[in-house]
Amino acid sequence: MAVRWGSPGRPARQLTVAAAIALACTLAACSDDSSGGDELDESSRKGGTLSQFQPLTGEPVDGDLPTYPVVTVKIDNTASSAPQIGLETADLITEELVEGGLTRLAATYYSSIPDLAGPVRSMRASDIGIVTPVESVLVAAGGAPPTRARIADAEIPTYGEGDPGFFRADDRPAPYNLMVELPALVDSLDEAAVPPQYLPFGDDAPGGGKKATTFDVMFSAGHTTSWEYQDGGYVRTNSYSEPDADFVADSVLVLRVRQGDAGYKDPAGNPVPETLYEGTGDARLFHDGKVVEGSWTKDQLDEPLQLETRDGDLTVPRGNTFIELVPVDTGGVQVSG
């Protein structure tokens, strides 16, 4: 079975000194009428006890949060990956450009750990800005020496073949046959502090917006991810997952990003791009069959994302989010319905 937060057999998290201070400050604010305590009581308390929020979805949690770290798995996103395994239980997924105009997925888990995930592929320097804001570990099939050096410099723990849970599937061709039984890997990890919120989550859907029930996210001439709003969520209509086993997004966040050169080429001679996931750019938030336009800001790779529109801050509705890191020079977004 999948490992879930608050599951039996997992020890309760011990608060660090910093967390204890933060909790004390929060409780103090709740008792201070002059600081908006009534509003905080309504949003952060339930049944008289302080609620926590799931850092990757923003959803309230009544029990203990997991004691393991956030886990991000690099998963192939080509026809050779079919079927992709384990995406449906991810909290959040990020799609990034790799060499040859193709893309790769960074599936991020915290509230639920699937039994199996894969096929696991190699890391990229682009992953630094994806995983460091929540101090996620990175699960990947190795990487080029320049990439491994960058990842090490960023102090990101990495796990791959030879670590607990990894195996080669007999029914898949290499290199698309590396799979990981995530519970075995997660059980081997040290405990970690609760990470901060990954996105600027909010309780309400963004106001305004235009109809957007079907849209295409183009990364290059060779790859487009197509989306359709179905039964209250967004699904990829050209997914490589099995039917009913893909990630269903409550929101799709499309960020236009610049691309740099990672400094080396793949075995086929293609330059390897690096997503420059810091700075600022245009943003589109798809939710509830509508799209709202705005902009994103990320001052440093390890800092959280901020969103805004002309009217002020933009928040992402609580739930599962799929983030598309779309190149400014080769990509685009087309809404068709």
Protein backbone atom coordinates (compact mmCIF):
# COMPACT_ATOMS: atom_id res chain seq x y z
CA MET A 1 0.00 0.00 0.00
CA ALA A 2 1.01 3.60 -0.50
CA VAL A 3 2.54 5.36 2.48
CA ARG A 4 0.39 8.32 3.58
CA TRP A 5 0.82 11.09 6.15
CA GLY A 6 -0.59 10.23 9.52
CA SER A 7 -0.33 6.51 8.76
CA PRO A 8 0.02 4.01 11.63
CA GLY A 9 3.55 3.00 12.49
CA ARG A 10 5.10 6.38 11.70
CA PRO A 11 6.49 8.25 14.74
CA ALA A 12 5.05 11.66 15.50
CA ARG A 13 7.27 14.51 14.33
CA GLN A 14 9.29 16.23 17.02
CA LEU A 15 9.22 20.00 16.68
CA THR A 16 12.54 21.69 16.08
CA VAL A 17 13.30 24.77 18.16
CA ALA A 18 12.46 27.00 15.19
CA ALA A 19 9.19 25.20 14.59
CA ALA A 20 8.27 25.47 18.26
CA ILE A 21 8.92 29.20 18.22
CA ALA A 22 6.87 29.59 15.03
CA LEU A 23 4.02 27.61 16.58
CA ALA A 24 4.12 29.72 19.73
CA CYS A 25 4.02 32.90 17.65
CA THR A 26 1.05 31.57 15.68
CA LEU A 27 -0.84 30.72 18.86
CA ALA A 28 -0.06 34.14 20.26
CA ALA A 29 -1.43 35.79 17.12
CA CYS A 30 -4.60 33.73 17.46
CA SER A 31 -5.21 35.18 20.91
CA ASP A 32 -4.57 38.78 19.88
CA ASP A 33 -7.82 40.39 18.73
CA SER A 34 -5.93 43.40 17.39
CA SER A 35 -3.98 41.24 14.90
CA GLY A 36 -6.88 39.55 13.15
CA GLY A 37 -7.07 36.57 15.50
CA ASP A 38 -10.69 35.73 14.62
CA GLU A 39 -9.81 35.27 10.94
CA LEU A 40 -6.81 33.11 11.81
CA ASP A 41 -8.96 31.02 14.16
CA GLU A 42 -11.37 30.26 11.30
CA SER A 43 -8.69 29.35 8.76
CA SER A 44 -6.13 27.61 10.98
CA ARG A 45 -8.20 25.95 13.70
CA LYS A 46 -10.65 23.11 13.48
CA GLY A 47 -12.33 21.47 16.46
CA GLY A 48 -10.32 23.66 18.81
CA THR A 49 -6.91 22.37 17.63
CA LEU A 50 -4.39 24.09 15.42
CA SER A 51 -4.39 22.70 11.87
CA GLN A 52 -1.32 22.41 9.66
CA PHE A 53 -1.21 22.83 5.90
CA GLN A 54 0.17 20.34 3.42
CA PRO A 55 3.20 22.17 1.93
CA LEU A 56 2.76 20.96 -1.65
CA THR A 57 -1.02 21.34 -1.96
CA GLY A 58 -1.87 23.93 0.68
CA GLU A 59 -4.65 21.72 2.01
CA PRO A 60 -5.36 21.60 5.77
CA VAL A 61 -4.12 18.57 7.69
CA ASP A 62 -5.67 17.52 10.99
CA GLY A 63 -3.02 14.95 11.95
CA ASP A 64 0.76 14.84 11.90
CA LEU A 65 2.63 15.66 8.72
CA PRO A 66 5.13 13.07 7.43
CA THR A 67 8.47 12.70 9.13
CA TYR A 68 10.27 11.93 5.86
CA PRO A 69 11.51 14.61 3.44
CA VAL A 70 9.78 15.69 0.25
CA VAL A 71 10.72 13.31 -2.57
CA THR A 72 11.03 14.32 -6.23
CA VAL A 73 11.37 11.63 -8.90
CA LYS A 74 12.58 12.38 -12.44
CA ILE A 75 10.31 10.47 -14.83
CA ASP A 76 10.68 10.02 -18.58
CA ASN A 77 8.07 11.79 -20.72
CA THR A 78 8.40 10.20 -24.15
CA ALA A 79 6.54 7.34 -25.82
CA SER A 80 9.29 5.03 -24.54
CA SER A 81 8.10 5.70 -20.98
CA ALA A 82 4.67 4.16 -21.54
CA PRO A 83 3.19 3.41 -19.19
CA GLN A 84 4.33 6.06 -16.74
CA ILE A 85 3.84 4.73 -13.21
CA GLY A 86 3.04 6.54 -9.96
CA LEU A 87 1.98 9.96 -11.25
CA GLU A 88 -1.59 9.78 -9.95
CA THR A 89 -0.46 10.00 -6.31
CA ALA A 90 1.95 12.92 -6.73
CA ASP A 91 1.17 16.14 -4.88
CA LEU A 92 2.66 18.29 -7.61
CA ILE A 93 4.36 17.75 -10.97
CA THR A 94 6.70 20.03 -12.91
CA GLU A 95 7.42 19.60 -16.63
CA GLU A 96 10.75 20.89 -17.93
CA LEU A 97 12.51 21.03 -21.29
CA VAL A 98 15.46 18.72 -21.93
CA GLU A 99 17.66 18.16 -24.97
CA GLY A 100 16.23 17.42 -28.41
CA GLY A 101 13.10 19.46 -27.73
CA LEU A 102 11.72 16.75 -25.41
CA THR A 103 10.50 17.16 -21.84
CA ARG A 104 10.88 15.35 -18.54
CA LEU A 105 8.67 15.28 -15.46
CA ALA A 106 9.65 16.03 -11.89
CA ALA A 107 6.99 14.25 -9.82
CA THR A 108 6.99 15.49 -6.23
CA TYR A 109 5.60 13.43 -3.35
CA TYR A 110 4.94 14.16 0.30
CA SER A 111 1.38 13.40 1.44
CA SER A 112 1.31 10.05 -0.35
CA ILE A 113 4.10 7.75 -1.48
CA PRO A 114 3.18 5.36 -4.33
CA ASP A 115 4.24 1.73 -4.30
CA LEU A 116 6.07 2.16 -7.60
CA ALA A 117 7.30 5.08 -9.73
CA GLY A 118 9.08 5.35 -13.04
CA PRO A 119 10.65 4.97 -15.46
CA VAL A 120 13.30 6.94 -13.59
CA ARG A 121 15.60 9.08 -15.75
CA SER A 122 18.57 11.35 -15.17
CA MET A 123 18.75 14.68 -13.37
CA ARG A 124 19.29 18.14 -14.87
CA ALA A 125 20.60 21.41 -13.45
CA SER A 126 17.08 22.74 -14.05
CA ASP A 127 16.00 20.58 -11.10
CA ILE A 128 17.78 22.82 -8.61
CA GLY A 129 15.10 25.51 -8.73
CA ILE A 130 12.37 22.87 -8.55
CA VAL A 131 13.50 20.93 -5.47
CA THR A 132 15.42 23.35 -3.23
CA PRO A 133 12.49 25.53 -2.02
CA VAL A 134 11.18 22.54 -0.02
CA GLU A 135 14.54 20.80 0.51
CA SER A 136 13.37 17.80 -1.51
CA VAL A 137 15.58 14.82 -2.13
CA LEU A 138 16.10 14.01 -5.80
CA VAL A 139 15.53 10.52 -7.20
CA ALA A 140 17.15 10.08 -10.62
CA ALA A 141 19.14 7.76 -12.85
CA GLY A 142 22.39 9.62 -12.34
CA GLY A 143 23.42 12.53 -14.52
CA ALA A 144 26.23 14.06 -16.55
CA PRO A 145 29.32 15.09 -14.52
CA PRO A 146 28.61 18.84 -14.85
CA THR A 147 25.05 18.28 -13.64
CA ARG A 148 26.09 16.10 -10.72
CA ALA A 149 28.57 18.79 -9.67
CA ARG A 150 25.88 21.49 -9.79
CA ILE A 151 23.45 19.34 -7.81
CA ALA A 152 26.12 18.58 -5.21
CA ASP A 153 27.01 22.26 -4.89
CA ALA A 154 23.33 22.95 -4.19
CA GLU A 155 23.50 20.34 -1.38
CA ILE A 156 20.62 18.30 -2.79
CA PRO A 157 20.55 14.68 -1.53
CA THR A 158 20.32 12.32 -4.52
CA TYR A 159 19.35 8.66 -4.80
CA GLY A 160 19.56 6.28 -7.72
CA GLU A 161 20.27 2.75 -8.87
CA GLY A 162 21.84 0.72 -6.07
CA ASP A 163 19.87 2.50 -3.35
CA PRO A 164 16.91 0.81 -1.60
CA GLY A 165 13.90 0.17 -3.81
CA PHE A 166 15.55 0.44 -7.23
CA PHE A 167 15.35 -2.34 -9.82
CA ARG A 168 15.38 -2.92 -13.57
CA ALA A 169 12.03 -4.05 -15.00
CA ASP A 170 12.20 -7.08 -17.28
CA ASP A 171 9.35 -5.89 -19.52
CA ARG A 172 10.93 -2.56 -20.51
CA PRO A 173 13.97 -1.78 -22.68
CA ALA A 174 16.94 0.06 -21.22
CA PRO A 175 17.33 2.89 -20.33
CA TYR A 176 13.55 3.10 -19.78
CA ASN A 177 13.44 0.20 -17.33
CA LEU A 178 14.73 1.73 -14.09
CA MET A 179 11.92 1.70 -11.53
CA VAL A 180 11.78 2.50 -7.84
CA GLU A 181 9.65 1.06 -5.05
CA LEU A 182 9.38 4.35 -3.22
CA PRO A 183 8.24 3.06 0.22
CA ALA A 184 11.51 1.11 0.51
CA LEU A 185 13.54 4.19 -0.37
CA VAL A 186 11.54 6.53 1.87
CA ASP A 187 11.90 4.18 4.84
CA SER A 188 15.69 4.45 4.48
CA LEU A 189 15.72 8.26 4.63
CA ASP A 190 16.45 10.33 7.70
CA GLU A 191 13.66 12.35 9.28
CA ALA A 192 13.25 15.91 8.06
CA ALA A 193 11.59 19.09 9.25
CA VAL A 194 8.28 20.17 7.76
CA PRO A 195 9.07 22.25 4.66
CA PRO A 196 7.50 25.64 3.88
CA GLN A 197 4.58 26.09 1.50
CA TYR A 198 5.72 25.48 -2.07
CA LEU A 199 3.29 27.87 -3.77
CA PRO A 200 1.33 30.95 -2.66
CA PHE A 201 -1.82 28.96 -1.90
CA GLY A 202 -5.19 30.55 -1.21
CA ASP A 203 -8.70 29.46 -0.30
CA ASP A 204 -10.51 31.06 -3.23
CA ALA A 205 -10.36 30.65 -6.99
CA PRO A 206 -8.88 33.69 -8.76
CA GLY A 207 -11.43 36.23 -9.85
CA GLY A 208 -12.18 37.02 -13.46
CA GLY A 209 -10.38 35.14 -16.18
CA LYS A 210 -11.38 33.78 -19.55
CA LYS A 211 -12.83 30.43 -20.56
CA ALA A 212 -10.10 27.80 -20.94
CA THR A 213 -11.32 24.20 -20.96
CA THR A 214 -8.86 22.95 -23.60
CA PHE A 215 -5.36 24.26 -24.23
CA ASP A 216 -1.98 23.22 -25.60
CA VAL A 217 1.37 23.93 -23.95
CA MET A 218 4.11 23.90 -26.60
CA PHE A 219 7.70 23.37 -25.42
CA SER A 220 9.26 22.98 -28.85
CA ALA A 221 8.47 21.91 -32.40
CA GLY A 222 8.79 18.33 -31.15
CA HIS A 223 6.66 18.37 -28.02
CA THR A 224 3.29 19.74 -26.94
CA THR A 225 1.35 18.83 -23.81
CA SER A 226 -2.41 18.98 -24.37
CA TRP A 227 -4.87 19.64 -21.55
CA GLU A 228 -8.63 19.29 -21.14
CA TYR A 229 -10.89 20.25 -18.26
CA GLN A 230 -12.92 17.18 -17.26
CA ASP A 231 -15.08 16.53 -14.19
CA GLY A 232 -13.59 19.37 -12.18
CA GLY A 233 -9.91 18.73 -13.01
CA TYR A 234 -7.37 19.07 -15.82
CA VAL A 235 -6.06 15.94 -17.55
CA ARG A 236 -3.35 15.45 -20.17
CA THR A 237 -5.03 14.13 -23.30
CA ASN A 238 -1.70 12.92 -24.72
CA SER A 239 -0.42 11.34 -21.52
CA TYR A 240 1.83 8.27 -21.44
CA SER A 241 0.13 6.94 -18.31
CA GLU A 242 -2.44 4.18 -18.30
CA PRO A 243 -6.09 5.34 -18.48
CA ASP A 244 -7.30 6.55 -15.07
CA ALA A 245 -3.74 6.35 -13.71
CA ASP A 246 -2.49 9.84 -14.61
CA PHE A 247 -2.13 12.94 -12.49
CA VAL A 248 -5.32 15.03 -12.36
CA ALA A 249 -4.56 18.70 -11.74
CA ASP A 250 -6.83 21.05 -9.85
CA SER A 251 -4.73 23.85 -11.35
CA VAL A 252 -2.22 24.12 -14.18
CA LEU A 253 0.36 26.88 -13.72
CA VAL A 254 2.17 27.87 -16.93
CA LEU A 255 5.34 29.90 -16.41
CA ARG A 256 7.29 31.39 -19.31
CA VAL A 257 10.99 30.90 -18.55
CA ARG A 258 14.31 31.68 -20.14
CA GLN A 259 16.64 28.89 -21.25
CA GLY A 260 20.37 28.73 -20.78
CA ASP A 261 23.04 26.27 -21.91
CA ALA A 262 23.96 23.55 -19.39
CA GLY A 263 27.46 23.46 -20.88
CA TYR A 264 27.53 20.00 -22.46
CA LYS A 265 25.87 17.85 -25.13
CA ASP A 266 23.98 14.58 -24.96
CA PRO A 267 25.34 11.43 -26.68
CA ALA A 268 23.44 12.37 -29.86
CA GLY A 269 25.20 15.73 -29.98
CA ASN A 270 22.22 17.84 -28.84
CA PRO A 271 23.05 20.81 -26.60
CA VAL A 272 21.52 20.32 -23.16
CA PRO A 273 19.38 23.30 -22.10
CA GLU A 274 18.99 24.60 -18.58
CA THR A 275 15.75 26.18 -17.41
CA LEU A 276 16.61 29.42 -15.65
CA TYR A 277 14.03 29.08 -12.90
CA GLU A 278 14.65 32.41 -11.23
CA GLY A 279 13.94 36.01 -12.07
CA THR A 280 10.55 36.97 -13.46
CA GLY A 281 8.24 36.22 -16.39
CA ASP A 282 4.68 35.84 -17.61
CA ALA A 283 2.34 33.40 -15.88
CA ARG A 284 -1.03 31.83 -16.63
CA LEU A 285 -3.09 30.06 -14.01
CA PHE A 286 -5.69 27.58 -15.29
CA HIS A 287 -8.36 26.62 -12.77
CA ASP A 288 -12.03 25.66 -12.88
CA GLY A 289 -12.17 25.92 -16.67
CA LYS A 290 -10.79 29.47 -16.77
CA VAL A 291 -7.40 31.12 -17.16
CA VAL A 292 -6.03 34.18 -15.36
CA GLU A 293 -2.96 36.00 -16.67
CA GLY A 294 -0.25 37.46 -14.46
CA SER A 295 3.45 37.28 -13.75
CA TRP A 296 5.82 35.21 -11.62
CA THR A 297 8.85 36.17 -9.56
CA LYS A 298 11.50 33.93 -8.00
CA ASP A 299 14.43 35.92 -6.64
CA GLN A 300 16.74 32.92 -6.21
CA LEU A 301 16.63 29.25 -7.13
CA ASP A 302 15.97 28.13 -3.56
CA GLU A 303 13.29 30.72 -2.84
CA PRO A 304 9.54 30.22 -3.23
CA LEU A 305 7.54 31.37 -6.22
CA GLN A 306 5.47 34.55 -6.04
CA LEU A 307 2.57 35.38 -8.37
CA GLU A 308 0.69 38.56 -9.10
CA THR A 309 -1.74 40.20 -11.50
CA ARG A 310 -2.34 43.86 -12.23
CA ASP A 311 -4.75 43.88 -9.30
CA GLY A 312 -2.33 42.44 -6.75
CA ASP A 313 -1.12 39.09 -5.44
CA LEU A 314 -2.30 35.94 -7.21
CA THR A 315 -2.82 32.79 -5.16
CA VAL A 316 -3.12 29.19 -6.34
CA PRO A 317 -6.27 27.40 -5.12
CA ARG A 318 -5.46 24.64 -2.66
CA GLY A 319 -5.09 21.27 -4.34
CA ASN A 320 -2.87 19.45 -6.84
CA THR A 321 -0.94 21.66 -9.26
CA PHE A 322 0.90 20.86 -12.49
CA ILE A 323 3.61 23.42 -13.30
CA GLU A 324 4.69 23.92 -16.92
CA LEU A 325 8.10 25.61 -17.34
CA VAL A 326 7.64 26.79 -20.93
CA PRO A 327 10.58 28.31 -22.83
CA VAL A 328 10.11 31.90 -23.94
CA ASP A 329 11.98 31.38 -27.21
CA THR A 330 10.68 27.98 -28.42
CA GLY A 331 7.39 27.52 -26.59
CA GLY A 332 3.91 28.94 -26.28
CA VAL A 333 0.36 28.41 -25.02
CA GLN A 334 -2.73 28.12 -27.19
CA VAL A 335 -6.22 28.10 -25.70
CA SER A 336 -8.73 26.47 -28.04
CA GLY A 337 -11.90 26.21 -26.00
